[in-house]
Amino acid sequence: MNFTHVLVPTDLSPMAPHLVRYACEEAVLHQAKVTLLHVVASRPETVVYYVSAMPSPALRFDPILGGPLGVPKTPPPTMLLHDPQEEALQRLRDLIPASCDSACEIVVATGNPVALIVHMARARTVDLIVMGTHGYTGLRHILWGSVAEKVIRLAPCPVLVVRHQEEIDQTATTTMRSHYPIAS
């Protein structure tokens, strides 16, 4: 099967670099275009912070009057901007390996992750979706659900779900402990 367009939705978790590297390797192998997608659940607003500056401690001293020449002026406050979408764009740019840089597009969207992933796959005629999973089970899975599971059911193309090696190792260790009791 030959892929021409690979969609990589990511939540920017610690697994993201592994996932993007894996997807880019597949894309390079098939000479496919890659679209990195990060979905922000709610509409993030740019936050503006004003940080007041302290007056300069260096007072000029008048030797004749024996006191300060004047009260130092307080510098104007510094304005800091925090834009979550711009931050997400930068983090996505940092994830792209050099081998995949030229054929990679970055999209940050707002809304329901499952609906946007499936919509983008249809609208952009994606051949493969490569996404990660946290591997939650039990109560966590029931309460949070699984975006990967829902995308697999609704996607118009194949979905490759990648688990991080540490999660696989942790699951294997837990399974071995539960199935093979250690005799003392």
N, C-alpha and C. Protein backbone atom coordinates (compact mmCIF):
# COMPACT_ATOMS: atom_id res chain seq x y z
N MET A 1 0.84 -1.17 0.00
CA MET A 1 0.00 0.00 0.00
C MET A 1 0.89 1.24 0.00
N ASN A 2 0.60 2.19 -0.87
CA ASN A 2 1.40 3.40 -0.99
C ASN A 2 0.63 4.58 -0.41
N PHE A 3 1.25 5.35 0.48
CA PHE A 3 0.61 6.49 1.12
C PHE A 3 1.12 7.77 0.48
N THR A 4 0.21 8.73 0.26
CA THR A 4 0.61 10.03 -0.28
C THR A 4 0.42 11.16 0.73
N HIS A 5 -0.43 10.92 1.75
CA HIS A 5 -0.69 11.95 2.76
C HIS A 5 -0.93 11.28 4.11
N VAL A 6 -0.09 11.63 5.08
CA VAL A 6 -0.18 11.06 6.43
C VAL A 6 -0.58 12.15 7.40
N LEU A 7 -1.64 11.89 8.16
CA LEU A 7 -2.11 12.81 9.19
C LEU A 7 -1.62 12.33 10.54
N VAL A 8 -1.01 13.24 11.31
CA VAL A 8 -0.46 12.88 12.62
C VAL A 8 -1.08 13.79 13.68
N PRO A 9 -2.19 13.36 14.28
CA PRO A 9 -2.75 14.15 15.38
C PRO A 9 -1.96 13.87 16.66
N THR A 10 -1.65 14.92 17.40
CA THR A 10 -0.89 14.74 18.64
C THR A 10 -1.41 15.67 19.72
N ASP A 11 -1.33 15.20 20.96
CA ASP A 11 -1.73 16.03 22.10
C ASP A 11 -0.50 16.68 22.76
N LEU A 12 0.64 16.56 22.11
CA LEU A 12 1.91 17.12 22.59
C LEU A 12 2.33 16.54 23.94
N SER A 13 1.95 15.29 24.17
CA SER A 13 2.38 14.59 25.38
C SER A 13 3.85 14.20 25.22
N PRO A 14 4.46 13.65 26.25
CA PRO A 14 5.86 13.23 26.13
C PRO A 14 6.09 12.19 25.03
N MET A 15 5.04 11.53 24.59
CA MET A 15 5.16 10.53 23.53
C MET A 15 5.25 11.18 22.14
N ALA A 16 4.91 12.45 22.01
CA ALA A 16 4.83 13.13 20.72
C ALA A 16 6.11 13.02 19.87
N PRO A 17 7.31 13.23 20.41
CA PRO A 17 8.50 13.12 19.55
C PRO A 17 8.65 11.73 18.93
N HIS A 18 8.37 10.70 19.70
CA HIS A 18 8.45 9.32 19.20
C HIS A 18 7.42 9.12 18.09
N LEU A 19 6.21 9.60 18.30
CA LEU A 19 5.13 9.44 17.33
C LEU A 19 5.44 10.17 16.02
N VAL A 20 5.89 11.41 16.11
CA VAL A 20 6.18 12.19 14.91
C VAL A 20 7.37 11.59 14.15
N ARG A 21 8.38 11.14 14.88
CA ARG A 21 9.53 10.50 14.23
C ARG A 21 9.08 9.26 13.48
N TYR A 22 8.23 8.46 14.10
CA TYR A 22 7.72 7.23 13.48
C TYR A 22 6.91 7.55 12.22
N ALA A 23 6.02 8.55 12.32
CA ALA A 23 5.20 8.93 11.17
C ALA A 23 6.05 9.50 10.04
N CYS A 24 7.06 10.29 10.38
CA CYS A 24 7.92 10.86 9.35
C CYS A 24 8.75 9.79 8.64
N GLU A 25 9.17 8.78 9.38
CA GLU A 25 9.89 7.67 8.74
C GLU A 25 9.00 6.99 7.71
N GLU A 26 7.74 6.77 8.05
CA GLU A 26 6.80 6.17 7.10
C GLU A 26 6.58 7.10 5.91
N ALA A 27 6.43 8.39 6.17
CA ALA A 27 6.20 9.35 5.10
C ALA A 27 7.38 9.43 4.15
N VAL A 28 8.57 9.44 4.67
CA VAL A 28 9.77 9.49 3.83
C VAL A 28 9.87 8.21 3.00
N LEU A 29 9.57 7.10 3.61
CA LEU A 29 9.60 5.81 2.91
C LEU A 29 8.64 5.80 1.71
N HIS A 30 7.48 6.42 1.87
CA HIS A 30 6.46 6.44 0.81
C HIS A 30 6.42 7.75 0.04
N GLN A 31 7.34 8.66 0.34
CA GLN A 31 7.39 10.00 -0.26
C GLN A 31 6.04 10.70 -0.12
N ALA A 32 5.52 10.69 1.09
CA ALA A 32 4.21 11.26 1.37
C ALA A 32 4.32 12.59 2.08
N LYS A 33 3.27 13.36 1.99
CA LYS A 33 3.15 14.62 2.71
C LYS A 33 2.68 14.30 4.13
N VAL A 34 3.13 15.10 5.10
CA VAL A 34 2.74 14.90 6.50
C VAL A 34 2.02 16.15 6.99
N THR A 35 0.89 15.94 7.68
CA THR A 35 0.19 17.04 8.34
C THR A 35 0.17 16.74 9.83
N LEU A 36 0.81 17.61 10.61
CA LEU A 36 0.76 17.50 12.07
C LEU A 36 -0.45 18.30 12.54
N LEU A 37 -1.27 17.68 13.39
CA LEU A 37 -2.48 18.32 13.88
C LEU A 37 -2.49 18.30 15.39
N HIS A 38 -2.72 19.48 15.97
CA HIS A 38 -2.93 19.56 17.42
C HIS A 38 -4.28 20.22 17.62
N VAL A 39 -5.15 19.55 18.37
CA VAL A 39 -6.49 20.08 18.62
C VAL A 39 -6.55 20.60 20.05
N VAL A 40 -6.93 21.86 20.17
CA VAL A 40 -7.12 22.49 21.46
C VAL A 40 -8.61 22.35 21.78
N ALA A 41 -8.93 21.79 22.93
CA ALA A 41 -10.32 21.47 23.26
C ALA A 41 -11.22 22.69 23.37
N SER A 42 -10.75 23.77 23.93
CA SER A 42 -11.58 24.97 24.04
C SER A 42 -10.86 26.13 23.38
N ARG A 43 -11.57 27.21 23.20
CA ARG A 43 -10.98 28.38 22.53
C ARG A 43 -9.97 29.05 23.45
N PRO A 44 -8.69 28.88 23.18
CA PRO A 44 -7.69 29.53 24.04
C PRO A 44 -7.57 31.01 23.68
N GLU A 45 -7.51 31.82 24.67
CA GLU A 45 -7.36 33.25 24.46
C GLU A 45 -5.92 33.65 24.77
N THR A 46 -5.46 34.65 24.08
CA THR A 46 -4.15 35.20 24.40
C THR A 46 -4.24 35.91 25.74
N VAL A 47 -3.33 35.61 26.62
CA VAL A 47 -3.32 36.21 27.95
C VAL A 47 -2.23 37.28 27.97
N VAL A 48 -2.58 38.44 28.50
CA VAL A 48 -1.63 39.54 28.60
C VAL A 48 -1.34 39.77 30.07
N TYR A 49 -0.06 39.79 30.42
CA TYR A 49 0.37 40.06 31.79
C TYR A 49 1.13 41.38 31.80
N TYR A 50 0.89 42.19 32.82
CA TYR A 50 1.67 43.41 33.00
C TYR A 50 2.51 43.22 34.25
N VAL A 51 3.80 43.33 34.09
CA VAL A 51 4.73 43.16 35.20
C VAL A 51 5.30 44.53 35.54
N SER A 52 5.01 44.97 36.75
CA SER A 52 5.51 46.28 37.19
C SER A 52 7.00 46.18 37.47
N ALA A 53 7.69 47.20 37.04
CA ALA A 53 9.13 47.25 37.29
C ALA A 53 9.38 47.99 38.60
N MET A 54 10.45 47.66 39.26
CA MET A 54 10.83 48.32 40.51
C MET A 54 11.65 49.57 40.16
N PRO A 55 11.51 50.62 40.97
CA PRO A 55 12.34 51.80 40.71
C PRO A 55 13.81 51.46 40.91
N SER A 56 14.62 52.15 40.22
CA SER A 56 16.05 51.92 40.31
C SER A 56 16.54 52.22 41.72
N PRO A 57 17.28 51.31 42.34
CA PRO A 57 17.74 51.56 43.70
C PRO A 57 18.85 52.62 43.77
N ALA A 58 19.43 52.93 42.63
CA ALA A 58 20.53 53.90 42.62
C ALA A 58 19.96 55.32 42.68
N LEU A 59 19.92 55.90 43.86
CA LEU A 59 19.45 57.27 44.03
C LEU A 59 20.66 58.21 43.90
N ARG A 60 20.41 59.31 43.23
CA ARG A 60 21.47 60.30 43.16
C ARG A 60 21.45 61.09 44.46
N PHE A 61 22.62 61.35 44.98
CA PHE A 61 22.75 62.00 46.29
C PHE A 61 23.25 63.43 46.12
N ASP A 62 22.60 64.36 46.80
CA ASP A 62 23.02 65.76 46.77
C ASP A 62 23.91 66.00 47.99
N PRO A 63 25.24 66.21 47.76
CA PRO A 63 26.15 66.37 48.90
C PRO A 63 25.92 67.66 49.69
N ILE A 64 25.35 68.70 49.07
CA ILE A 64 25.15 69.97 49.77
C ILE A 64 23.94 69.89 50.70
N LEU A 65 22.81 69.35 50.17
CA LEU A 65 21.61 69.25 50.99
C LEU A 65 21.62 68.00 51.87
N GLY A 66 22.47 67.06 51.55
CA GLY A 66 22.58 65.85 52.35
C GLY A 66 21.43 64.88 52.16
N GLY A 67 20.84 64.85 50.97
CA GLY A 67 19.73 63.93 50.70
C GLY A 67 19.63 63.60 49.23
N PRO A 68 18.61 62.85 48.89
CA PRO A 68 18.46 62.49 47.48
C PRO A 68 18.06 63.69 46.64
N LEU A 69 18.47 63.67 45.38
CA LEU A 69 18.13 64.75 44.46
C LEU A 69 16.67 64.69 44.02
N GLY A 70 16.11 63.56 44.01
CA GLY A 70 14.73 63.42 43.59
C GLY A 70 14.30 61.96 43.69
N VAL A 71 13.04 61.75 43.62
CA VAL A 71 12.51 60.39 43.67
C VAL A 71 12.66 59.79 42.27
N PRO A 72 13.26 58.62 42.21
CA PRO A 72 13.44 58.01 40.89
C PRO A 72 12.09 57.63 40.28
N LYS A 73 12.01 57.77 38.98
CA LYS A 73 10.78 57.41 38.28
C LYS A 73 10.69 55.89 38.14
N THR A 74 9.49 55.39 38.29
CA THR A 74 9.26 53.96 38.07
C THR A 74 9.15 53.73 36.57
N PRO A 75 9.93 52.78 36.06
CA PRO A 75 9.83 52.50 34.62
C PRO A 75 8.44 51.96 34.27
N PRO A 76 8.02 52.10 33.02
CA PRO A 76 6.70 51.59 32.62
C PRO A 76 6.65 50.06 32.77
N PRO A 77 5.45 49.52 33.01
CA PRO A 77 5.36 48.06 33.17
C PRO A 77 5.70 47.33 31.87
N THR A 78 6.21 46.14 32.03
CA THR A 78 6.55 45.28 30.90
C THR A 78 5.32 44.44 30.56
N MET A 79 5.01 44.35 29.29
CA MET A 79 3.86 43.57 28.85
C MET A 79 4.33 42.22 28.32
N LEU A 80 3.80 41.14 28.86
CA LEU A 80 4.11 39.79 28.42
C LEU A 80 2.87 39.16 27.80
N LEU A 81 3.01 38.57 26.64
CA LEU A 81 1.90 37.89 25.97
C LEU A 81 2.09 36.38 26.06
N HIS A 82 1.01 35.68 26.33
CA HIS A 82 1.05 34.22 26.32
C HIS A 82 -0.07 33.75 25.41
N ASP A 83 0.30 33.24 24.23
CA ASP A 83 -0.67 32.74 23.26
C ASP A 83 -0.54 31.22 23.17
N PRO A 84 -1.51 30.46 23.72
CA PRO A 84 -1.41 29.00 23.71
C PRO A 84 -1.30 28.40 22.31
N GLN A 85 -1.98 29.00 21.34
CA GLN A 85 -1.90 28.46 19.98
C GLN A 85 -0.52 28.67 19.38
N GLU A 86 0.07 29.82 19.62
CA GLU A 86 1.43 30.08 19.12
C GLU A 86 2.43 29.15 19.79
N GLU A 87 2.21 28.91 21.09
CA GLU A 87 3.07 27.98 21.82
C GLU A 87 2.95 26.57 21.24
N ALA A 88 1.72 26.14 20.92
CA ALA A 88 1.51 24.82 20.33
C ALA A 88 2.17 24.73 18.95
N LEU A 89 2.05 25.79 18.15
CA LEU A 89 2.71 25.81 16.84
C LEU A 89 4.22 25.65 16.98
N GLN A 90 4.80 26.36 17.92
CA GLN A 90 6.26 26.27 18.11
C GLN A 90 6.66 24.87 18.57
N ARG A 91 5.89 24.30 19.49
CA ARG A 91 6.21 22.94 19.96
C ARG A 91 6.09 21.92 18.83
N LEU A 92 5.10 22.11 17.95
CA LEU A 92 4.96 21.21 16.79
C LEU A 92 6.14 21.39 15.83
N ARG A 93 6.54 22.64 15.59
CA ARG A 93 7.71 22.88 14.72
C ARG A 93 8.95 22.19 15.26
N ASP A 94 9.11 22.23 16.58
CA ASP A 94 10.28 21.62 17.21
C ASP A 94 10.28 20.09 17.09
N LEU A 95 9.12 19.50 16.88
CA LEU A 95 9.02 18.04 16.78
C LEU A 95 9.45 17.49 15.42
N ILE A 96 9.42 18.32 14.40
CA ILE A 96 9.65 17.84 13.03
C ILE A 96 11.12 17.52 12.80
N PRO A 97 11.42 16.26 12.44
CA PRO A 97 12.82 15.92 12.12
C PRO A 97 13.24 16.57 10.79
N ALA A 98 14.53 16.78 10.63
CA ALA A 98 15.06 17.43 9.42
C ALA A 98 14.69 16.67 8.15
N SER A 99 14.62 15.34 8.24
CA SER A 99 14.32 14.53 7.07
C SER A 99 12.91 14.75 6.55
N CYS A 100 12.04 15.30 7.37
CA CYS A 100 10.63 15.44 7.03
C CYS A 100 10.19 16.90 6.92
N ASP A 101 11.09 17.82 7.15
CA ASP A 101 10.76 19.24 7.26
C ASP A 101 10.09 19.82 6.02
N SER A 102 10.55 19.46 4.84
CA SER A 102 10.03 20.09 3.61
C SER A 102 8.62 19.62 3.26
N ALA A 103 8.23 18.43 3.65
CA ALA A 103 6.92 17.89 3.29
C ALA A 103 5.96 17.88 4.46
N CYS A 104 6.12 18.83 5.37
CA CYS A 104 5.31 18.82 6.59
C CYS A 104 4.50 20.10 6.73
N GLU A 105 3.23 19.93 7.05
CA GLU A 105 2.33 21.05 7.30
C GLU A 105 1.87 20.96 8.75
N ILE A 106 1.69 22.11 9.39
CA ILE A 106 1.28 22.14 10.79
C ILE A 106 -0.07 22.84 10.90
N VAL A 107 -1.00 22.20 11.65
CA VAL A 107 -2.33 22.77 11.84
C VAL A 107 -2.66 22.72 13.33
N VAL A 108 -3.09 23.86 13.88
CA VAL A 108 -3.61 23.90 15.24
C VAL A 108 -5.07 24.32 15.11
N ALA A 109 -5.97 23.48 15.63
CA ALA A 109 -7.41 23.73 15.50
C ALA A 109 -8.06 23.69 16.88
N THR A 110 -9.28 24.21 16.94
CA THR A 110 -10.03 24.24 18.18
C THR A 110 -11.32 23.45 18.01
N GLY A 111 -11.61 22.58 18.97
CA GLY A 111 -12.87 21.85 18.91
C GLY A 111 -12.74 20.45 19.46
N ASN A 112 -13.64 19.59 19.04
CA ASN A 112 -13.67 18.20 19.47
C ASN A 112 -12.57 17.44 18.72
N PRO A 113 -11.62 16.82 19.43
CA PRO A 113 -10.50 16.15 18.76
C PRO A 113 -10.94 15.07 17.76
N VAL A 114 -11.86 14.21 18.14
CA VAL A 114 -12.28 13.12 17.25
C VAL A 114 -12.91 13.68 15.98
N ALA A 115 -13.85 14.61 16.14
CA ALA A 115 -14.54 15.18 14.98
C ALA A 115 -13.56 15.89 14.04
N LEU A 116 -12.61 16.64 14.60
CA LEU A 116 -11.66 17.37 13.75
C LEU A 116 -10.68 16.44 13.04
N ILE A 117 -10.25 15.40 13.73
CA ILE A 117 -9.32 14.45 13.10
C ILE A 117 -10.00 13.76 11.93
N VAL A 118 -11.23 13.29 12.13
CA VAL A 118 -11.97 12.59 11.07
C VAL A 118 -12.31 13.56 9.93
N HIS A 119 -12.71 14.78 10.28
CA HIS A 119 -13.03 15.78 9.24
C HIS A 119 -11.79 16.10 8.40
N MET A 120 -10.66 16.30 9.05
CA MET A 120 -9.45 16.63 8.30
C MET A 120 -9.02 15.46 7.41
N ALA A 121 -9.19 14.25 7.91
CA ALA A 121 -8.83 13.07 7.11
C ALA A 121 -9.68 13.01 5.84
N ARG A 122 -10.95 13.33 5.97
CA ARG A 122 -11.84 13.32 4.79
C ARG A 122 -11.56 14.49 3.87
N ALA A 123 -11.47 15.68 4.42
CA ALA A 123 -11.31 16.90 3.63
C ALA A 123 -9.99 16.94 2.87
N ARG A 124 -8.95 16.38 3.45
CA ARG A 124 -7.63 16.45 2.81
C ARG A 124 -7.22 15.14 2.17
N THR A 125 -8.15 14.25 1.98
CA THR A 125 -7.89 12.92 1.38
C THR A 125 -6.62 12.27 1.94
N VAL A 126 -6.65 12.07 3.24
CA VAL A 126 -5.54 11.45 3.94
C VAL A 126 -5.57 9.95 3.71
N ASP A 127 -4.40 9.34 3.48
CA ASP A 127 -4.30 7.90 3.24
C ASP A 127 -4.03 7.11 4.51
N LEU A 128 -3.45 7.76 5.52
CA LEU A 128 -3.08 7.08 6.75
C LEU A 128 -3.08 8.07 7.89
N ILE A 129 -3.65 7.65 9.03
CA ILE A 129 -3.58 8.44 10.25
C ILE A 129 -2.65 7.69 11.20
N VAL A 130 -1.63 8.39 11.68
CA VAL A 130 -0.70 7.81 12.66
C VAL A 130 -0.90 8.57 13.95
N MET A 131 -1.36 7.87 14.98
CA MET A 131 -1.63 8.56 16.24
C MET A 131 -1.19 7.73 17.42
N GLY A 132 -1.01 8.38 18.53
CA GLY A 132 -0.59 7.69 19.74
C GLY A 132 -1.77 7.36 20.62
N THR A 133 -1.50 6.52 21.60
CA THR A 133 -2.49 6.20 22.61
C THR A 133 -1.79 6.15 23.96
N HIS A 134 -2.52 6.53 24.98
CA HIS A 134 -1.96 6.47 26.32
C HIS A 134 -2.14 5.09 26.92
N GLY A 135 -2.98 4.27 26.31
CA GLY A 135 -3.17 2.91 26.78
C GLY A 135 -3.92 2.81 28.10
N TYR A 136 -4.80 3.79 28.37
CA TYR A 136 -5.57 3.72 29.61
C TYR A 136 -6.50 2.51 29.58
N THR A 137 -6.68 1.90 30.73
CA THR A 137 -7.59 0.78 30.86
C THR A 137 -8.46 1.01 32.09
N GLY A 138 -9.45 0.18 32.26
CA GLY A 138 -10.27 0.23 33.45
C GLY A 138 -11.05 1.52 33.58
N LEU A 139 -11.10 2.05 34.81
CA LEU A 139 -11.90 3.22 35.12
C LEU A 139 -11.43 4.46 34.35
N ARG A 140 -10.13 4.63 34.19
CA ARG A 140 -9.61 5.77 33.42
C ARG A 140 -10.14 5.75 31.99
N HIS A 141 -10.17 4.56 31.39
CA HIS A 141 -10.65 4.42 30.01
C HIS A 141 -12.15 4.72 29.95
N ILE A 142 -12.89 4.26 30.94
CA ILE A 142 -14.34 4.50 30.97
C ILE A 142 -14.63 5.98 31.13
N LEU A 143 -13.93 6.65 32.03
CA LEU A 143 -14.18 8.06 32.30
C LEU A 143 -13.68 8.97 31.18
N TRP A 144 -12.49 8.72 30.67
CA TRP A 144 -11.89 9.60 29.68
C TRP A 144 -12.17 9.16 28.25
N GLY A 145 -12.49 7.88 28.07
CA GLY A 145 -12.68 7.38 26.72
C GLY A 145 -11.36 7.28 26.00
N SER A 146 -11.42 6.94 24.76
CA SER A 146 -10.21 6.83 23.97
C SER A 146 -10.42 7.53 22.64
N VAL A 147 -9.66 8.61 22.43
CA VAL A 147 -9.74 9.33 21.16
C VAL A 147 -9.32 8.39 20.04
N ALA A 148 -8.25 7.62 20.26
CA ALA A 148 -7.76 6.70 19.22
C ALA A 148 -8.84 5.68 18.85
N GLU A 149 -9.52 5.15 19.85
CA GLU A 149 -10.55 4.14 19.59
C GLU A 149 -11.69 4.72 18.74
N LYS A 150 -12.11 5.93 19.05
CA LYS A 150 -13.19 6.58 18.30
C LYS A 150 -12.76 6.92 16.88
N VAL A 151 -11.51 7.37 16.73
CA VAL A 151 -11.00 7.69 15.39
C VAL A 151 -10.92 6.43 14.54
N ILE A 152 -10.49 5.32 15.14
CA ILE A 152 -10.42 4.05 14.40
C ILE A 152 -11.80 3.70 13.85
N ARG A 153 -12.85 3.89 14.66
CA ARG A 153 -14.20 3.54 14.21
C ARG A 153 -14.74 4.47 13.14
N LEU A 154 -14.35 5.75 13.16
CA LEU A 154 -14.96 6.75 12.28
C LEU A 154 -14.10 7.17 11.09
N ALA A 155 -12.82 6.88 11.10
CA ALA A 155 -11.91 7.38 10.06
C ALA A 155 -12.18 6.75 8.70
N PRO A 156 -11.99 7.53 7.64
CA PRO A 156 -12.20 7.03 6.28
C PRO A 156 -10.97 6.31 5.71
N CYS A 157 -9.93 6.15 6.53
CA CYS A 157 -8.68 5.54 6.06
C CYS A 157 -8.09 4.70 7.18
N PRO A 158 -7.04 3.93 6.90
CA PRO A 158 -6.40 3.14 7.96
C PRO A 158 -5.81 4.04 9.05
N VAL A 159 -5.83 3.53 10.28
CA VAL A 159 -5.28 4.25 11.42
C VAL A 159 -4.22 3.37 12.06
N LEU A 160 -3.02 3.91 12.16
CA LEU A 160 -1.92 3.21 12.81
C LEU A 160 -1.75 3.82 14.20
N VAL A 161 -1.97 2.99 15.22
CA VAL A 161 -1.87 3.47 16.60
C VAL A 161 -0.53 3.02 17.16
N VAL A 162 0.24 3.99 17.65
CA VAL A 162 1.59 3.73 18.16
C VAL A 162 1.60 3.95 19.66
N ARG A 163 2.15 2.99 20.37
CA ARG A 163 2.33 3.16 21.81
C ARG A 163 3.79 3.42 22.09
N HIS A 164 4.05 4.20 23.10
CA HIS A 164 5.41 4.52 23.48
C HIS A 164 6.06 3.28 24.10
N GLN A 165 7.33 3.07 23.84
CA GLN A 165 8.03 1.88 24.30
C GLN A 165 7.97 1.73 25.82
N GLU A 166 8.05 2.83 26.57
CA GLU A 166 7.98 2.76 28.03
C GLU A 166 6.64 2.20 28.49
N GLU A 167 5.54 2.60 27.81
CA GLU A 167 4.22 2.09 28.17
C GLU A 167 4.13 0.60 27.87
N ILE A 168 4.71 0.16 26.76
CA ILE A 168 4.71 -1.26 26.40
C ILE A 168 5.49 -2.04 27.43
N ASP A 169 6.69 -1.52 27.82
CA ASP A 169 7.52 -2.20 28.81
C ASP A 169 6.80 -2.29 30.15
N GLN A 170 6.12 -1.20 30.55
CA GLN A 170 5.41 -1.19 31.83
C GLN A 170 4.27 -2.21 31.81
N THR A 171 3.53 -2.28 30.71
CA THR A 171 2.43 -3.24 30.58
C THR A 171 2.96 -4.66 30.61
N ALA A 172 4.06 -4.92 29.91
CA ALA A 172 4.64 -6.25 29.89
C ALA A 172 5.10 -6.67 31.28
N THR A 173 5.71 -5.75 32.02
CA THR A 173 6.17 -6.05 33.38
C THR A 173 4.99 -6.38 34.28
N THR A 174 3.93 -5.59 34.19
CA THR A 174 2.73 -5.83 35.00
C THR A 174 2.11 -7.17 34.65
N THR A 175 2.04 -7.49 33.36
CA THR A 175 1.46 -8.75 32.91
C THR A 175 2.28 -9.92 33.41
N MET A 176 3.60 -9.81 33.31
CA MET A 176 4.45 -10.91 33.77
C MET A 176 4.28 -11.12 35.27
N ARG A 177 4.16 -10.03 36.02
CA ARG A 177 3.99 -10.17 37.46
C ARG A 177 2.68 -10.85 37.80
N SER A 178 1.63 -10.51 37.07
CA SER A 178 0.32 -11.05 37.41
C SER A 178 0.15 -12.50 36.95
N HIS A 179 0.82 -12.90 35.86
CA HIS A 179 0.65 -14.25 35.35
C HIS A 179 1.70 -15.24 35.86
N TYR A 180 2.81 -14.73 36.29
CA TYR A 180 3.89 -15.61 36.74
C TYR A 180 4.30 -15.23 38.15
N PRO A 181 3.62 -15.76 39.15
CA PRO A 181 4.01 -15.41 40.52
C PRO A 181 5.41 -15.90 40.83
N ILE A 182 6.13 -15.08 41.55
CA ILE A 182 7.51 -15.43 41.91
C ILE A 182 7.49 -16.27 43.17
N ALA A 183 8.08 -17.44 43.08
CA ALA A 183 8.14 -18.32 44.24
C ALA A 183 9.33 -17.93 45.10
N SER A 184 9.14 -17.97 46.41
CA SER A 184 10.25 -17.59 47.28
C SER A 184 10.98 -18.79 47.82
